[in-house]
């Protein structure tokens, strides 16, 4: 998408998936299980 308009992406950080804000304190490459509330937030984005 960026290359199409002559821009190069050199760094990309996902901060949210739909309405779900991601935990910025979670180290790169790590993961954690979603809470029931977070799962419902993701389901509501459909």
PDB file of N, CA and C in Angstrom:
ATOM      1  N   UNK A   1       0.829  -1.184   0.000  1.00  0.00           N
ATOM      2  CA  UNK A   1       0.000   0.000   0.000  1.00  0.00           C
ATOM      3  C   UNK A   1       0.877   1.253   0.000  1.00  0.00           C
ATOM      4  N   UNK A   2       1.873   1.306   0.863  1.00  0.00           N
ATOM      5  CA  UNK A   2       2.737   2.489   0.917  1.00  0.00           C
ATOM      6  C   UNK A   2       3.634   2.581  -0.311  1.00  0.00           C
ATOM      7  N   UNK A   3       4.144   1.433  -0.757  1.00  0.00           N
ATOM      8  CA  UNK A   3       5.014   1.419  -1.925  1.00  0.00           C
ATOM      9  C   UNK A   3       4.303   1.976  -3.153  1.00  0.00           C
ATOM     10  N   UNK A   4       3.020   1.739  -3.232  1.00  0.00           N
ATOM     11  CA  UNK A   4       2.218   2.218  -4.362  1.00  0.00           C
ATOM     12  C   UNK A   4       2.267   3.741  -4.487  1.00  0.00           C
ATOM     13  N   UNK A   5       2.427   4.445  -3.363  1.00  0.00           N
ATOM     14  CA  UNK A   5       2.498   5.913  -3.388  1.00  0.00           C
ATOM     15  C   UNK A   5       3.926   6.408  -3.155  1.00  0.00           C
ATOM     16  N   UNK A   6       4.911   5.513  -3.359  1.00  0.00           N
ATOM     17  CA  UNK A   6       6.305   5.912  -3.287  1.00  0.00           C
ATOM     18  C   UNK A   6       6.893   5.992  -1.890  1.00  0.00           C
ATOM     19  N   UNK A   7       6.293   5.326  -0.930  1.00  0.00           N
ATOM     20  CA  UNK A   7       6.799   5.343   0.450  1.00  0.00           C
ATOM     21  C   UNK A   7       7.268   3.947   0.840  1.00  0.00           C
ATOM     22  N   UNK A   8       8.342   3.877   1.633  1.00  0.00           N
ATOM     23  CA  UNK A   8       8.858   2.606   2.112  1.00  0.00           C
ATOM     24  C   UNK A   8       8.639   2.507   3.617  1.00  0.00           C
ATOM     25  N   UNK A   9       8.102   1.389   4.065  1.00  0.00           N
ATOM     26  CA  UNK A   9       7.900   1.164   5.497  1.00  0.00           C
ATOM     27  C   UNK A   9       9.183   0.557   6.054  1.00  0.00           C
ATOM     28  N   UNK A  10       9.786   1.226   7.039  1.00  0.00           N
ATOM     29  CA  UNK A  10      11.002   0.707   7.663  1.00  0.00           C
ATOM     30  C   UNK A  10      10.746   0.207   9.074  1.00  0.00           C
ATOM     31  N   UNK A  11       9.610   0.576   9.660  1.00  0.00           N
ATOM     32  CA  UNK A  11       9.248   0.131  11.005  1.00  0.00           C
ATOM     33  C   UNK A  11       7.737   0.139  11.112  1.00  0.00           C
ATOM     34  N   UNK A  12       7.186  -0.923  11.645  1.00  0.00           N
ATOM     35  CA  UNK A  12       5.739  -1.021  11.785  1.00  0.00           C
ATOM     36  C   UNK A  12       5.427  -1.641  13.134  1.00  0.00           C
ATOM     37  N   UNK A  13       4.566  -0.995  13.895  1.00  0.00           N
ATOM     38  CA  UNK A  13       4.193  -1.497  15.211  1.00  0.00           C
ATOM     39  C   UNK A  13       2.677  -1.526  15.302  1.00  0.00           C
ATOM     40  N   UNK A  14       2.119  -2.719  15.530  1.00  0.00           N
ATOM     41  CA  UNK A  14       0.670  -2.852  15.674  1.00  0.00           C
ATOM     42  C   UNK A  14       0.298  -2.414  17.084  1.00  0.00           C
ATOM     43  N   UNK A  15      -0.628  -1.468  17.198  1.00  0.00           N
ATOM     44  CA  UNK A  15      -1.051  -0.972  18.506  1.00  0.00           C
ATOM     45  C   UNK A  15      -2.480  -1.364  18.843  1.00  0.00           C
ATOM     46  N   UNK A  16      -3.209  -1.854  17.835  1.00  0.00           N
ATOM     47  CA  UNK A  16      -4.600  -2.254  18.061  1.00  0.00           C
ATOM     48  C   UNK A  16      -5.026  -3.223  16.972  1.00  0.00           C
ATOM     49  N   UNK A  17      -6.027  -4.027  17.323  1.00  0.00           N
ATOM     50  CA  UNK A  17      -6.707  -4.872  16.346  1.00  0.00           C
ATOM     51  C   UNK A  17      -8.171  -4.508  16.469  1.00  0.00           C
ATOM     52  N   UNK A  18      -8.667  -3.755  15.515  1.00  0.00           N
ATOM     53  CA  UNK A  18     -10.033  -3.245  15.625  1.00  0.00           C
ATOM     54  C   UNK A  18     -10.145  -2.354  16.844  1.00  0.00           C
ATOM     55  N   UNK A  19     -11.117  -2.632  17.691  1.00  0.00           N
ATOM     56  CA  UNK A  19     -11.335  -1.827  18.899  1.00  0.00           C
ATOM     57  C   UNK A  19     -10.468  -2.273  20.071  1.00  0.00           C
ATOM     58  N   UNK A  20      -9.729  -3.366  19.912  1.00  0.00           N
ATOM     59  CA  UNK A  20      -8.901  -3.902  20.995  1.00  0.00           C
ATOM     60  C   UNK A  20      -7.525  -3.252  20.993  1.00  0.00           C
ATOM     61  N   UNK A  21      -7.232  -2.483  22.030  1.00  0.00           N
ATOM     62  CA  UNK A  21      -5.917  -1.873  22.186  1.00  0.00           C
ATOM     63  C   UNK A  21      -4.950  -2.923  22.725  1.00  0.00           C
ATOM     64  N   UNK A  22      -3.784  -3.049  22.096  1.00  0.00           N
ATOM     65  CA  UNK A  22      -2.820  -4.057  22.516  1.00  0.00           C
ATOM     66  C   UNK A  22      -1.969  -3.544  23.672  1.00  0.00           C
ATOM     67  N   UNK A  23      -1.465  -4.483  24.471  1.00  0.00           N
ATOM     68  CA  UNK A  23      -0.660  -4.170  25.650  1.00  0.00           C
ATOM     69  C   UNK A  23       0.739  -3.740  25.218  1.00  0.00           C
ATOM     70  N   UNK A  24       1.059  -2.460  25.360  1.00  0.00           N
ATOM     71  CA  UNK A  24       2.360  -1.941  24.935  1.00  0.00           C
ATOM     72  C   UNK A  24       3.497  -2.410  25.831  1.00  0.00           C
ATOM     73  N   UNK A  25       3.188  -2.932  27.016  1.00  0.00           N
ATOM     74  CA  UNK A  25       4.221  -3.403  27.949  1.00  0.00           C
ATOM     75  C   UNK A  25       4.668  -4.832  27.652  1.00  0.00           C
ATOM     76  N   UNK A  26       3.954  -5.521  26.770  1.00  0.00           N
ATOM     77  CA  UNK A  26       4.296  -6.893  26.419  1.00  0.00           C
ATOM     78  C   UNK A  26       5.544  -6.883  25.535  1.00  0.00           C
ATOM     79  N   UNK A  27       6.601  -7.612  25.924  1.00  0.00           N
ATOM     80  CA  UNK A  27       7.842  -7.602  25.137  1.00  0.00           C
ATOM     81  C   UNK A  27       7.631  -8.126  23.713  1.00  0.00           C
ATOM     82  N   UNK A  28       8.426  -7.633  22.784  1.00  0.00           N
ATOM     83  CA  UNK A  28       8.373  -8.070  21.393  1.00  0.00           C
ATOM     84  C   UNK A  28       8.594  -9.582  21.342  1.00  0.00           C
ATOM     85  N   UNK A  29       7.758 -10.278  20.586  1.00  0.00           N
ATOM     86  CA  UNK A  29       7.871 -11.724  20.439  1.00  0.00           C
ATOM     87  C   UNK A  29       7.147 -12.519  21.507  1.00  0.00           C
ATOM     88  N   UNK A  30       6.633 -11.837  22.519  1.00  0.00           N
ATOM     89  CA  UNK A  30       5.898 -12.508  23.588  1.00  0.00           C
ATOM     90  C   UNK A  30       4.408 -12.493  23.285  1.00  0.00           C
ATOM     91  N   UNK A  31       3.677 -13.283  24.041  1.00  0.00           N
ATOM     92  CA  UNK A  31       2.227 -13.292  23.896  1.00  0.00           C
ATOM     93  C   UNK A  31       1.600 -13.623  25.241  1.00  0.00           C
ATOM     94  N   UNK A  32       0.316 -13.398  25.322  1.00  0.00           N
ATOM     95  CA  UNK A  32      -0.453 -13.784  26.499  1.00  0.00           C
ATOM     96  C   UNK A  32      -1.843 -14.160  26.035  1.00  0.00           C
ATOM     97  N   UNK A  33      -2.550 -14.898  26.868  1.00  0.00           N
ATOM     98  CA  UNK A  33      -3.914 -15.276  26.527  1.00  0.00           C
ATOM     99  C   UNK A  33      -4.831 -14.073  26.650  1.00  0.00           C
ATOM    100  N   UNK A  34      -5.838 -14.020  25.802  1.00  0.00           N
ATOM    101  CA  UNK A  34      -6.825 -12.948  25.876  1.00  0.00           C
ATOM    102  C   UNK A  34      -7.801 -13.214  27.014  1.00  0.00           C
ATOM    103  N   UNK A  35      -8.274 -12.142  27.619  1.00  0.00           N
ATOM    104  CA  UNK A  35      -9.316 -12.277  28.629  1.00  0.00           C
ATOM    105  C   UNK A  35     -10.648 -12.492  27.917  1.00  0.00           C
ATOM    106  N   UNK A  36     -11.648 -12.936  28.662  1.00  0.00           N
ATOM    107  CA  UNK A  36     -12.986 -13.097  28.076  1.00  0.00           C
ATOM    108  C   UNK A  36     -13.490 -11.768  27.522  1.00  0.00           C
ATOM    109  N   UNK A  37     -13.211 -10.683  28.235  1.00  0.00           N
ATOM    110  CA  UNK A  37     -13.643  -9.353  27.786  1.00  0.00           C
ATOM    111  C   UNK A  37     -12.974  -8.977  26.462  1.00  0.00           C
ATOM    112  N   UNK A  38     -11.686  -9.267  26.326  1.00  0.00           N
ATOM    113  CA  UNK A  38     -10.972  -8.954  25.085  1.00  0.00           C
ATOM    114  C   UNK A  38     -11.515  -9.772  23.913  1.00  0.00           C
ATOM    115  N   UNK A  39     -11.859 -11.012  24.174  1.00  0.00           N
ATOM    116  CA  UNK A  39     -12.443 -11.855  23.126  1.00  0.00           C
ATOM    117  C   UNK A  39     -13.770 -11.270  22.664  1.00  0.00           C
ATOM    118  N   UNK A  40     -14.568 -10.806  23.596  1.00  0.00           N
ATOM    119  CA  UNK A  40     -15.856 -10.193  23.238  1.00  0.00           C
ATOM    120  C   UNK A  40     -15.652  -8.915  22.421  1.00  0.00           C
ATOM    121  N   UNK A  41     -14.632  -8.139  22.758  1.00  0.00           N
ATOM    122  CA  UNK A  41     -14.323  -6.924  21.990  1.00  0.00           C
ATOM    123  C   UNK A  41     -13.998  -7.301  20.546  1.00  0.00           C
ATOM    124  N   UNK A  42     -13.179  -8.324  20.361  1.00  0.00           N
ATOM    125  CA  UNK A  42     -12.829  -8.763  19.009  1.00  0.00           C
ATOM    126  C   UNK A  42     -14.050  -9.270  18.250  1.00  0.00           C
ATOM    127  N   UNK A  43     -14.903 -10.010  18.924  1.00  0.00           N
ATOM    128  CA  UNK A  43     -16.121 -10.519  18.283  1.00  0.00           C
ATOM    129  C   UNK A  43     -17.057  -9.386  17.872  1.00  0.00           C
ATOM    130  N   UNK A  44     -17.080  -8.312  18.636  1.00  0.00           N
ATOM    131  CA  UNK A  44     -17.989  -7.200  18.339  1.00  0.00           C
ATOM    132  C   UNK A  44     -17.533  -6.389  17.133  1.00  0.00           C
ATOM    133  N   UNK A  45     -16.302  -6.580  16.680  1.00  0.00           N
ATOM    134  CA  UNK A  45     -15.776  -5.856  15.521  1.00  0.00           C
ATOM    135  C   UNK A  45     -16.270  -6.419  14.204  1.00  0.00           C
ATOM    136  N   UNK A  46     -16.901  -7.572  14.218  1.00  0.00           N
ATOM    137  CA  UNK A  46     -17.320  -8.217  12.973  1.00  0.00           C
ATOM    138  C   UNK A  46     -18.450  -7.486  12.311  1.00  0.00           C
TER     139      UNK A  46
END
